[in-house]
Amino acid sequence: MKANEVNKNLIGKKVKCVNLGEEVEGVIFDIYEDEEFIGVRIKHEPIQWGNDVFKTLLSNSRKPSPMFPNGSEGNLKFTELM
């Protein structure tokens, strides 16, 4: 997925993403955006990492700016619609 593809219509869509080096399936439940970044918040199956369990992921990308004219893909590039 790319930054220009992120919009409110993605909420509720199923995706595949990478969290902690593991490919997981999940559902987009929110859109994240600030001055520099845009992305999606994903609820996915639990991943055990040591004593911690992760169930959500913020998959984001830097927006294009004068300093980064092409933006950057961040971990959003590993997120794809199913």
PDB file of N, CA and C in Angstrom:
ATOM      1  N   MET A   1       0.850  -1.162   0.000  1.00  0.00           N
ATOM      2  CA  MET A   1       0.000   0.000   0.000  1.00  0.00           C
ATOM      3  C   MET A   1       0.901   1.232   0.000  1.00  0.00           C
ATOM      4  N   LYS A   2       0.421   2.312  -0.594  1.00  0.00           N
ATOM      5  CA  LYS A   2       1.174   3.561  -0.645  1.00  0.00           C
ATOM      6  C   LYS A   2       0.403   4.650   0.087  1.00  0.00           C
ATOM      7  N   ALA A   3       1.112   5.697   0.482  1.00  0.00           N
ATOM      8  CA  ALA A   3       0.515   6.784   1.260  1.00  0.00           C
ATOM      9  C   ALA A   3      -0.680   7.410   0.546  1.00  0.00           C
ATOM     10  N   ASN A   4      -0.611   7.554  -0.773  1.00  0.00           N
ATOM     11  CA  ASN A   4      -1.709   8.187  -1.504  1.00  0.00           C
ATOM     12  C   ASN A   4      -2.948   7.292  -1.606  1.00  0.00           C
ATOM     13  N   GLU A   5      -2.853   6.028  -1.190  1.00  0.00           N
ATOM     14  CA  GLU A   5      -3.993   5.117  -1.202  1.00  0.00           C
ATOM     15  C   GLU A   5      -4.766   5.117   0.114  1.00  0.00           C
ATOM     16  N   VAL A   6      -4.226   5.762   1.146  1.00  0.00           N
ATOM     17  CA  VAL A   6      -4.854   5.753   2.470  1.00  0.00           C
ATOM     18  C   VAL A   6      -6.028   6.724   2.497  1.00  0.00           C
ATOM     19  N   ASN A   7      -7.216   6.212   2.866  1.00  0.00           N
ATOM     20  CA  ASN A   7      -8.404   7.044   3.004  1.00  0.00           C
ATOM     21  C   ASN A   7      -9.405   6.347   3.924  1.00  0.00           C
ATOM     22  N   LYS A   8     -10.432   7.068   4.343  1.00  0.00           N
ATOM     23  CA  LYS A   8     -11.428   6.554   5.298  1.00  0.00           C
ATOM     24  C   LYS A   8     -12.176   5.335   4.771  1.00  0.00           C
ATOM     25  N   ASN A   9     -12.253   5.159   3.455  1.00  0.00           N
ATOM     26  CA  ASN A   9     -12.966   4.012   2.879  1.00  0.00           C
ATOM     27  C   ASN A   9     -12.273   2.684   3.183  1.00  0.00           C
ATOM     28  N   LEU A  10     -11.047   2.717   3.669  1.00  0.00           N
ATOM     29  CA  LEU A  10     -10.317   1.488   3.987  1.00  0.00           C
ATOM     30  C   LEU A  10     -10.742   0.884   5.325  1.00  0.00           C
ATOM     31  N   ILE A  11     -11.401   1.666   6.173  1.00  0.00           N
ATOM     32  CA  ILE A  11     -11.813   1.152   7.486  1.00  0.00           C
ATOM     33  C   ILE A  11     -12.737  -0.042   7.289  1.00  0.00           C
ATOM     34  N   GLY A  12     -12.413  -1.141   7.978  1.00  0.00           N
ATOM     35  CA  GLY A  12     -13.185  -2.376   7.875  1.00  0.00           C
ATOM     36  C   GLY A  12     -12.653  -3.355   6.836  1.00  0.00           C
ATOM     37  N   LYS A  13     -11.675  -2.942   6.042  1.00  0.00           N
ATOM     38  CA  LYS A  13     -11.106  -3.817   5.009  1.00  0.00           C
ATOM     39  C   LYS A  13     -10.091  -4.773   5.618  1.00  0.00           C
ATOM     40  N   LYS A  14     -10.036  -5.990   5.078  1.00  0.00           N
ATOM     41  CA  LYS A  14      -9.057  -6.980   5.511  1.00  0.00           C
ATOM     42  C   LYS A  14      -7.732  -6.733   4.810  1.00  0.00           C
ATOM     43  N   VAL A  15      -6.644  -6.914   5.554  1.00  0.00           N
ATOM     44  CA  VAL A  15      -5.304  -6.700   5.013  1.00  0.00           C
ATOM     45  C   VAL A  15      -4.353  -7.776   5.511  1.00  0.00           C
ATOM     46  N   LYS A  16      -3.260  -7.916   4.787  1.00  0.00           N
ATOM     47  CA  LYS A  16      -2.101  -8.685   5.247  1.00  0.00           C
ATOM     48  C   LYS A  16      -1.028  -7.661   5.557  1.00  0.00           C
ATOM     49  N   CYS A  17      -0.306  -7.868   6.668  1.00  0.00           N
ATOM     50  CA  CYS A  17       0.746  -6.926   7.047  1.00  0.00           C
ATOM     51  C   CYS A  17       1.853  -7.685   7.768  1.00  0.00           C
ATOM     52  N   VAL A  18       2.950  -6.999   8.022  1.00  0.00           N
ATOM     53  CA  VAL A  18       4.076  -7.588   8.733  1.00  0.00           C
ATOM     54  C   VAL A  18       4.221  -6.867  10.066  1.00  0.00           C
ATOM     55  N   ASN A  19       4.198  -7.641  11.151  1.00  0.00           N
ATOM     56  CA  ASN A  19       4.409  -7.094  12.484  1.00  0.00           C
ATOM     57  C   ASN A  19       5.423  -7.975  13.198  1.00  0.00           C
ATOM     58  N   LEU A  20       6.482  -7.376  13.701  1.00  0.00           N
ATOM     59  CA  LEU A  20       7.561  -8.092  14.389  1.00  0.00           C
ATOM     60  C   LEU A  20       8.151  -9.192  13.507  1.00  0.00           C
ATOM     61  N   GLY A  21       8.229  -8.924  12.209  1.00  0.00           N
ATOM     62  CA  GLY A  21       8.824  -9.863  11.268  1.00  0.00           C
ATOM     63  C   GLY A  21       7.924 -11.013  10.878  1.00  0.00           C
ATOM     64  N   GLU A  22       6.681 -10.996  11.330  1.00  0.00           N
ATOM     65  CA  GLU A  22       5.746 -12.083  11.050  1.00  0.00           C
ATOM     66  C   GLU A  22       4.581 -11.551  10.223  1.00  0.00           C
ATOM     67  N   GLU A  23       4.223 -12.259   9.150  1.00  0.00           N
ATOM     68  CA  GLU A  23       3.084 -11.848   8.339  1.00  0.00           C
ATOM     69  C   GLU A  23       1.793 -12.252   9.039  1.00  0.00           C
ATOM     70  N   VAL A  24       0.891 -11.287   9.214  1.00  0.00           N
ATOM     71  CA  VAL A  24      -0.379 -11.534   9.882  1.00  0.00           C
ATOM     72  C   VAL A  24      -1.518 -10.949   9.057  1.00  0.00           C
ATOM     73  N   GLU A  25      -2.726 -11.434   9.314  1.00  0.00           N
ATOM     74  CA  GLU A  25      -3.926 -10.902   8.683  1.00  0.00           C
ATOM     75  C   GLU A  25      -4.690 -10.102   9.722  1.00  0.00           C
ATOM     76  N   GLY A  26      -5.313  -9.015   9.277  1.00  0.00           N
ATOM     77  CA  GLY A  26      -6.058  -8.182  10.203  1.00  0.00           C
ATOM     78  C   GLY A  26      -7.070  -7.316   9.482  1.00  0.00           C
ATOM     79  N   VAL A  27      -7.662  -6.393  10.247  1.00  0.00           N
ATOM     80  CA  VAL A  27      -8.690  -5.489   9.734  1.00  0.00           C
ATOM     81  C   VAL A  27      -8.300  -4.059  10.101  1.00  0.00           C
ATOM     82  N   ILE A  28      -8.421  -3.151   9.151  1.00  0.00           N
ATOM     83  CA  ILE A  28      -8.136  -1.737   9.402  1.00  0.00           C
ATOM     84  C   ILE A  28      -9.270  -1.169  10.250  1.00  0.00           C
ATOM     85  N   PHE A  29      -8.913  -0.555  11.398  1.00  0.00           N
ATOM     86  CA  PHE A  29      -9.948   0.016  12.253  1.00  0.00           C
ATOM     87  C   PHE A  29      -9.835   1.527  12.412  1.00  0.00           C
ATOM     88  N   ASP A  30      -8.767   2.132  11.899  1.00  0.00           N
ATOM     89  CA  ASP A  30      -8.601   3.578  12.030  1.00  0.00           C
ATOM     90  C   ASP A  30      -7.588   4.072  11.011  1.00  0.00           C
ATOM     91  N   ILE A  31      -7.684   5.358  10.676  1.00  0.00           N
ATOM     92  CA  ILE A  31      -6.716   6.030   9.814  1.00  0.00           C
ATOM     93  C   ILE A  31      -5.909   6.975  10.699  1.00  0.00           C
ATOM     94  N   TYR A  32      -4.589   6.963  10.529  1.00  0.00           N
ATOM     95  CA  TYR A  32      -3.697   7.826  11.300  1.00  0.00           C
ATOM     96  C   TYR A  32      -3.119   8.875  10.360  1.00  0.00           C
ATOM     97  N   GLU A  33      -3.112  10.137  10.818  1.00  0.00           N
ATOM     98  CA  GLU A  33      -2.489  11.190  10.017  1.00  0.00           C
ATOM     99  C   GLU A  33      -2.030  12.319  10.931  1.00  0.00           C
ATOM    100  N   ASP A  34      -0.801  12.782  10.714  1.00  0.00           N
ATOM    101  CA  ASP A  34      -0.309  13.992  11.358  1.00  0.00           C
ATOM    102  C   ASP A  34       0.436  14.809  10.311  1.00  0.00           C
ATOM    103  N   GLU A  35       1.249  15.773  10.732  1.00  0.00           N
ATOM    104  CA  GLU A  35       1.924  16.665   9.780  1.00  0.00           C
ATOM    105  C   GLU A  35       2.883  15.912   8.858  1.00  0.00           C
ATOM    106  N   GLU A  36       3.527  14.861   9.357  1.00  0.00           N
ATOM    107  CA  GLU A  36       4.569  14.181   8.593  1.00  0.00           C
ATOM    108  C   GLU A  36       4.197  12.787   8.099  1.00  0.00           C
ATOM    109  N   PHE A  37       3.260  12.116   8.766  1.00  0.00           N
ATOM    110  CA  PHE A  37       2.971  10.713   8.455  1.00  0.00           C
ATOM    111  C   PHE A  37       1.493  10.471   8.199  1.00  0.00           C
ATOM    112  N   ILE A  38       1.226   9.405   7.442  1.00  0.00           N
ATOM    113  CA  ILE A  38      -0.134   8.940   7.217  1.00  0.00           C
ATOM    114  C   ILE A  38      -0.087   7.411   7.240  1.00  0.00           C
ATOM    115  N   GLY A  39      -1.142   6.798   7.747  1.00  0.00           N
ATOM    116  CA  GLY A  39      -1.133   5.341   7.816  1.00  0.00           C
ATOM    117  C   GLY A  39      -2.448   4.771   8.288  1.00  0.00           C
ATOM    118  N   VAL A  40      -2.430   3.479   8.564  1.00  0.00           N
ATOM    119  CA  VAL A  40      -3.625   2.771   9.014  1.00  0.00           C
ATOM    120  C   VAL A  40      -3.305   2.028  10.309  1.00  0.00           C
ATOM    121  N   ARG A  41      -4.300   1.930  11.178  1.00  0.00           N
ATOM    122  CA  ARG A  41      -4.182   1.115  12.385  1.00  0.00           C
ATOM    123  C   ARG A  41      -4.911  -0.195  12.111  1.00  0.00           C
ATOM    124  N   ILE A  42      -4.240  -1.301  12.445  1.00  0.00           N
ATOM    125  CA  ILE A  42      -4.736  -2.631  12.113  1.00  0.00           C
ATOM    126  C   ILE A  42      -4.876  -3.469  13.373  1.00  0.00           C
ATOM    127  N   LYS A  43      -6.032  -4.137  13.524  1.00  0.00           N
ATOM    128  CA  LYS A  43      -6.207  -5.158  14.562  1.00  0.00           C
ATOM    129  C   LYS A  43      -5.920  -6.487  13.900  1.00  0.00           C
ATOM    130  N   HIS A  44      -5.069  -7.304  14.538  1.00  0.00           N
ATOM    131  CA  HIS A  44      -4.689  -8.586  13.943  1.00  0.00           C
ATOM    132  C   HIS A  44      -4.650  -9.665  15.007  1.00  0.00           C
ATOM    133  N   GLU A  45      -4.434 -10.898  14.568  1.00  0.00           N
ATOM    134  CA  GLU A  45      -4.328 -12.008  15.511  1.00  0.00           C
ATOM    135  C   GLU A  45      -3.162 -11.759  16.460  1.00  0.00           C
ATOM    136  N   PRO A  46      -3.258 -12.198  17.703  1.00  0.00           N
ATOM    137  CA  PRO A  46      -2.208 -11.932  18.697  1.00  0.00           C
ATOM    138  C   PRO A  46      -0.847 -12.526  18.311  1.00  0.00           C
ATOM    139  N   ILE A  47       0.208 -11.753  18.585  1.00  0.00           N
ATOM    140  CA  ILE A  47       1.581 -12.202  18.383  1.00  0.00           C
ATOM    141  C   ILE A  47       2.289 -12.147  19.730  1.00  0.00           C
ATOM    142  N   GLN A  48       2.866 -13.253  20.144  1.00  0.00           N
ATOM    143  CA  GLN A  48       3.634 -13.315  21.393  1.00  0.00           C
ATOM    144  C   GLN A  48       5.063 -12.879  21.107  1.00  0.00           C
ATOM    145  N   TRP A  49       5.569 -11.908  21.871  1.00  0.00           N
ATOM    146  CA  TRP A  49       6.946 -11.433  21.728  1.00  0.00           C
ATOM    147  C   TRP A  49       7.526 -11.334  23.134  1.00  0.00           C
ATOM    148  N   GLY A  50       8.224 -12.352  23.555  1.00  0.00           N
ATOM    149  CA  GLY A  50       8.698 -12.393  24.938  1.00  0.00           C
ATOM    150  C   GLY A  50       7.510 -12.504  25.871  1.00  0.00           C
ATOM    151  N   ASN A  51       7.424 -11.598  26.829  1.00  0.00           N
ATOM    152  CA  ASN A  51       6.295 -11.586  27.766  1.00  0.00           C
ATOM    153  C   ASN A  51       5.136 -10.735  27.274  1.00  0.00           C
ATOM    154  N   ASP A  52       5.292 -10.097  26.117  1.00  0.00           N
ATOM    155  CA  ASP A  52       4.265  -9.189  25.596  1.00  0.00           C
ATOM    156  C   ASP A  52       3.455  -9.847  24.499  1.00  0.00           C
ATOM    157  N   VAL A  53       2.201  -9.404  24.377  1.00  0.00           N
ATOM    158  CA  VAL A  53       1.309  -9.856  23.313  1.00  0.00           C
ATOM    159  C   VAL A  53       0.848  -8.619  22.548  1.00  0.00           C
ATOM    160  N   PHE A  54       1.021  -8.643  21.236  1.00  0.00           N
ATOM    161  CA  PHE A  54       0.631  -7.522  20.389  1.00  0.00           C
ATOM    162  C   PHE A  54      -0.581  -7.913  19.553  1.00  0.00           C
ATOM    163  N   LYS A  55      -1.590  -6.993  19.514  1.00  0.00           N
ATOM    164  CA  LYS A  55      -2.823  -7.251  18.767  1.00  0.00           C
ATOM    165  C   LYS A  55      -3.131  -6.150  17.766  1.00  0.00           C
ATOM    166  N   THR A  56      -2.347  -5.065  17.790  1.00  0.00           N
ATOM    167  CA  THR A  56      -2.570  -3.959  16.863  1.00  0.00           C
ATOM    168  C   THR A  56      -1.238  -3.510  16.269  1.00  0.00           C
ATOM    169  N   LEU A  57      -1.346  -2.794  15.160  1.00  0.00           N
ATOM    170  CA  LEU A  57      -0.168  -2.287  14.457  1.00  0.00           C
ATOM    171  C   LEU A  57      -0.512  -0.957  13.815  1.00  0.00           C
ATOM    172  N   LEU A  58       0.393   0.014  13.902  1.00  0.00           N
ATOM    173  CA  LEU A  58       0.296   1.243  13.129  1.00  0.00           C
ATOM    174  C   LEU A  58       1.220   1.070  11.939  1.00  0.00           C
ATOM    175  N   SER A  59       0.649   0.945  10.771  1.00  0.00           N
ATOM    176  CA  SER A  59       1.408   0.806   9.531  1.00  0.00           C
ATOM    177  C   SER A  59       1.372   2.161   8.843  1.00  0.00           C
ATOM    178  N   ASN A  60       2.530   2.846   8.761  1.00  0.00           N
ATOM    179  CA  ASN A  60       2.507   4.209   8.244  1.00  0.00           C
ATOM    180  C   ASN A  60       3.631   4.494   7.272  1.00  0.00           C
ATOM    181  N   SER A  61       3.563   5.691   6.693  1.00  0.00           N
ATOM    182  CA  SER A  61       4.521   6.151   5.696  1.00  0.00           C
ATOM    183  C   SER A  61       4.691   7.657   5.855  1.00  0.00           C
ATOM    184  N   ARG A  62       5.884   8.149   5.543  1.00  0.00           N
ATOM    185  CA  ARG A  62       6.117   9.598   5.570  1.00  0.00           C
ATOM    186  C   ARG A  62       5.444  10.231   4.361  1.00  0.00           C
ATOM    187  N   LYS A  63       4.794  11.379   4.569  1.00  0.00           N
ATOM    188  CA  LYS A  63       4.169  12.124   3.474  1.00  0.00           C
ATOM    189  C   LYS A  63       5.258  12.829   2.660  1.00  0.00           C
ATOM    190  N   PRO A  64       4.996  13.076   1.378  1.00  0.00           N
ATOM    191  CA  PRO A  64       5.959  13.879   0.595  1.00  0.00           C
ATOM    192  C   PRO A  64       6.108  15.271   1.211  1.00  0.00           C
ATOM    193  N   SER A  65       7.337  15.795   1.205  1.00  0.00           N
ATOM    194  CA  SER A  65       7.627  17.124   1.737  1.00  0.00           C
ATOM    195  C   SER A  65       8.855  17.649   0.992  1.00  0.00           C
ATOM    196  N   PRO A  66       9.214  18.934   1.178  1.00  0.00           N
ATOM    197  CA  PRO A  66      10.414  19.450   0.508  1.00  0.00           C
ATOM    198  C   PRO A  66      11.672  18.643   0.859  1.00  0.00           C
ATOM    199  N   MET A  67      11.763  18.165   2.093  1.00  0.00           N
ATOM    200  CA  MET A  67      12.929  17.398   2.501  1.00  0.00           C
ATOM    201  C   MET A  67      12.891  15.967   1.936  1.00  0.00           C
ATOM    202  N   PHE A  68      11.682  15.409   1.804  1.00  0.00           N
ATOM    203  CA  PHE A  68      11.483  14.063   1.247  1.00  0.00           C
ATOM    204  C   PHE A  68      10.469  14.160   0.106  1.00  0.00           C
ATOM    205  N   PRO A  69      10.905  14.610  -1.093  1.00  0.00           N
ATOM    206  CA  PRO A  69       9.955  14.868  -2.182  1.00  0.00           C
ATOM    207  C   PRO A  69       9.130  13.641  -2.595  1.00  0.00           C
ATOM    208  N   ASN A  70       9.669  12.449  -2.426  1.00  0.00           N
ATOM    209  CA  ASN A  70       8.915  11.248  -2.789  1.00  0.00           C
ATOM    210  C   ASN A  70       8.296  10.577  -1.571  1.00  0.00           C
ATOM    211  N   GLY A  71       8.383  11.224  -0.405  1.00  0.00           N
ATOM    212  CA  GLY A  71       7.908  10.595   0.823  1.00  0.00           C
ATOM    213  C   GLY A  71       8.794   9.403   1.125  1.00  0.00           C
ATOM    214  N   SER A  72       8.299   8.479   1.915  1.00  0.00           N
ATOM    215  CA  SER A  72       8.988   7.213   2.128  1.00  0.00           C
ATOM    216  C   SER A  72       7.924   6.179   2.423  1.00  0.00           C
ATOM    217  N   GLU A  73       8.204   4.957   2.090  1.00  0.00           N
ATOM    218  CA  GLU A  73       7.170   3.940   2.175  1.00  0.00           C
ATOM    219  C   GLU A  73       6.950   3.426   3.587  1.00  0.00           C
ATOM    220  N   GLY A  74       7.947   3.525   4.472  1.00  0.00           N
ATOM    221  CA  GLY A  74       7.785   3.015   5.828  1.00  0.00           C
ATOM    222  C   GLY A  74       7.307   1.566   5.813  1.00  0.00           C
ATOM    223  N   ASN A  75       6.667   1.125   6.895  1.00  0.00           N
ATOM    224  CA  ASN A  75       6.165  -0.246   6.901  1.00  0.00           C
ATOM    225  C   ASN A  75       4.834  -0.376   6.174  1.00  0.00           C
ATOM    226  N   LEU A  76       4.275   0.735   5.704  1.00  0.00           N
ATOM    227  CA  LEU A  76       3.032   0.691   4.928  1.00  0.00           C
ATOM    228  C   LEU A  76       3.213  -0.125   3.647  1.00  0.00           C
ATOM    229  N   LYS A  77       4.444  -0.166   3.119  1.00  0.00           N
ATOM    230  CA  LYS A  77       4.702  -0.919   1.895  1.00  0.00           C
ATOM    231  C   LYS A  77       4.495  -2.421   2.081  1.00  0.00           C
ATOM    232  N   PHE A  78       4.508  -2.901   3.338  1.00  0.00           N
ATOM    233  CA  PHE A  78       4.275  -4.313   3.616  1.00  0.00           C
ATOM    234  C   PHE A  78       2.804  -4.621   3.929  1.00  0.00           C
ATOM    235  N   THR A  79       1.931  -3.629   3.766  1.00  0.00           N
ATOM    236  CA  THR A  79       0.501  -3.787   4.032  1.00  0.00           C
ATOM    237  C   THR A  79      -0.224  -3.886   2.697  1.00  0.00           C
ATOM    238  N   GLU A  80      -1.018  -4.929   2.511  1.00  0.00           N
ATOM    239  CA  GLU A  80      -1.753  -5.075   1.259  1.00  0.00           C
ATOM    240  C   GLU A  80      -3.178  -5.556   1.530  1.00  0.00           C
ATOM    241  N   LEU A  81      -4.093  -5.040   0.721  1.00  0.00           N
ATOM    242  CA  LEU A  81      -5.497  -5.446   0.841  1.00  0.00           C
ATOM    243  C   LEU A  81      -5.654  -6.896   0.410  1.00  0.00           C
ATOM    244  N   MET A  82      -6.570  -7.590   1.051  1.00  0.00           N
ATOM    245  CA  MET A  82      -6.840  -8.985   0.706  1.00  0.00           C
ATOM    246  C   MET A  82      -8.062  -9.074  -0.193  1.00  0.00           C
TER     247      MET A  82
END
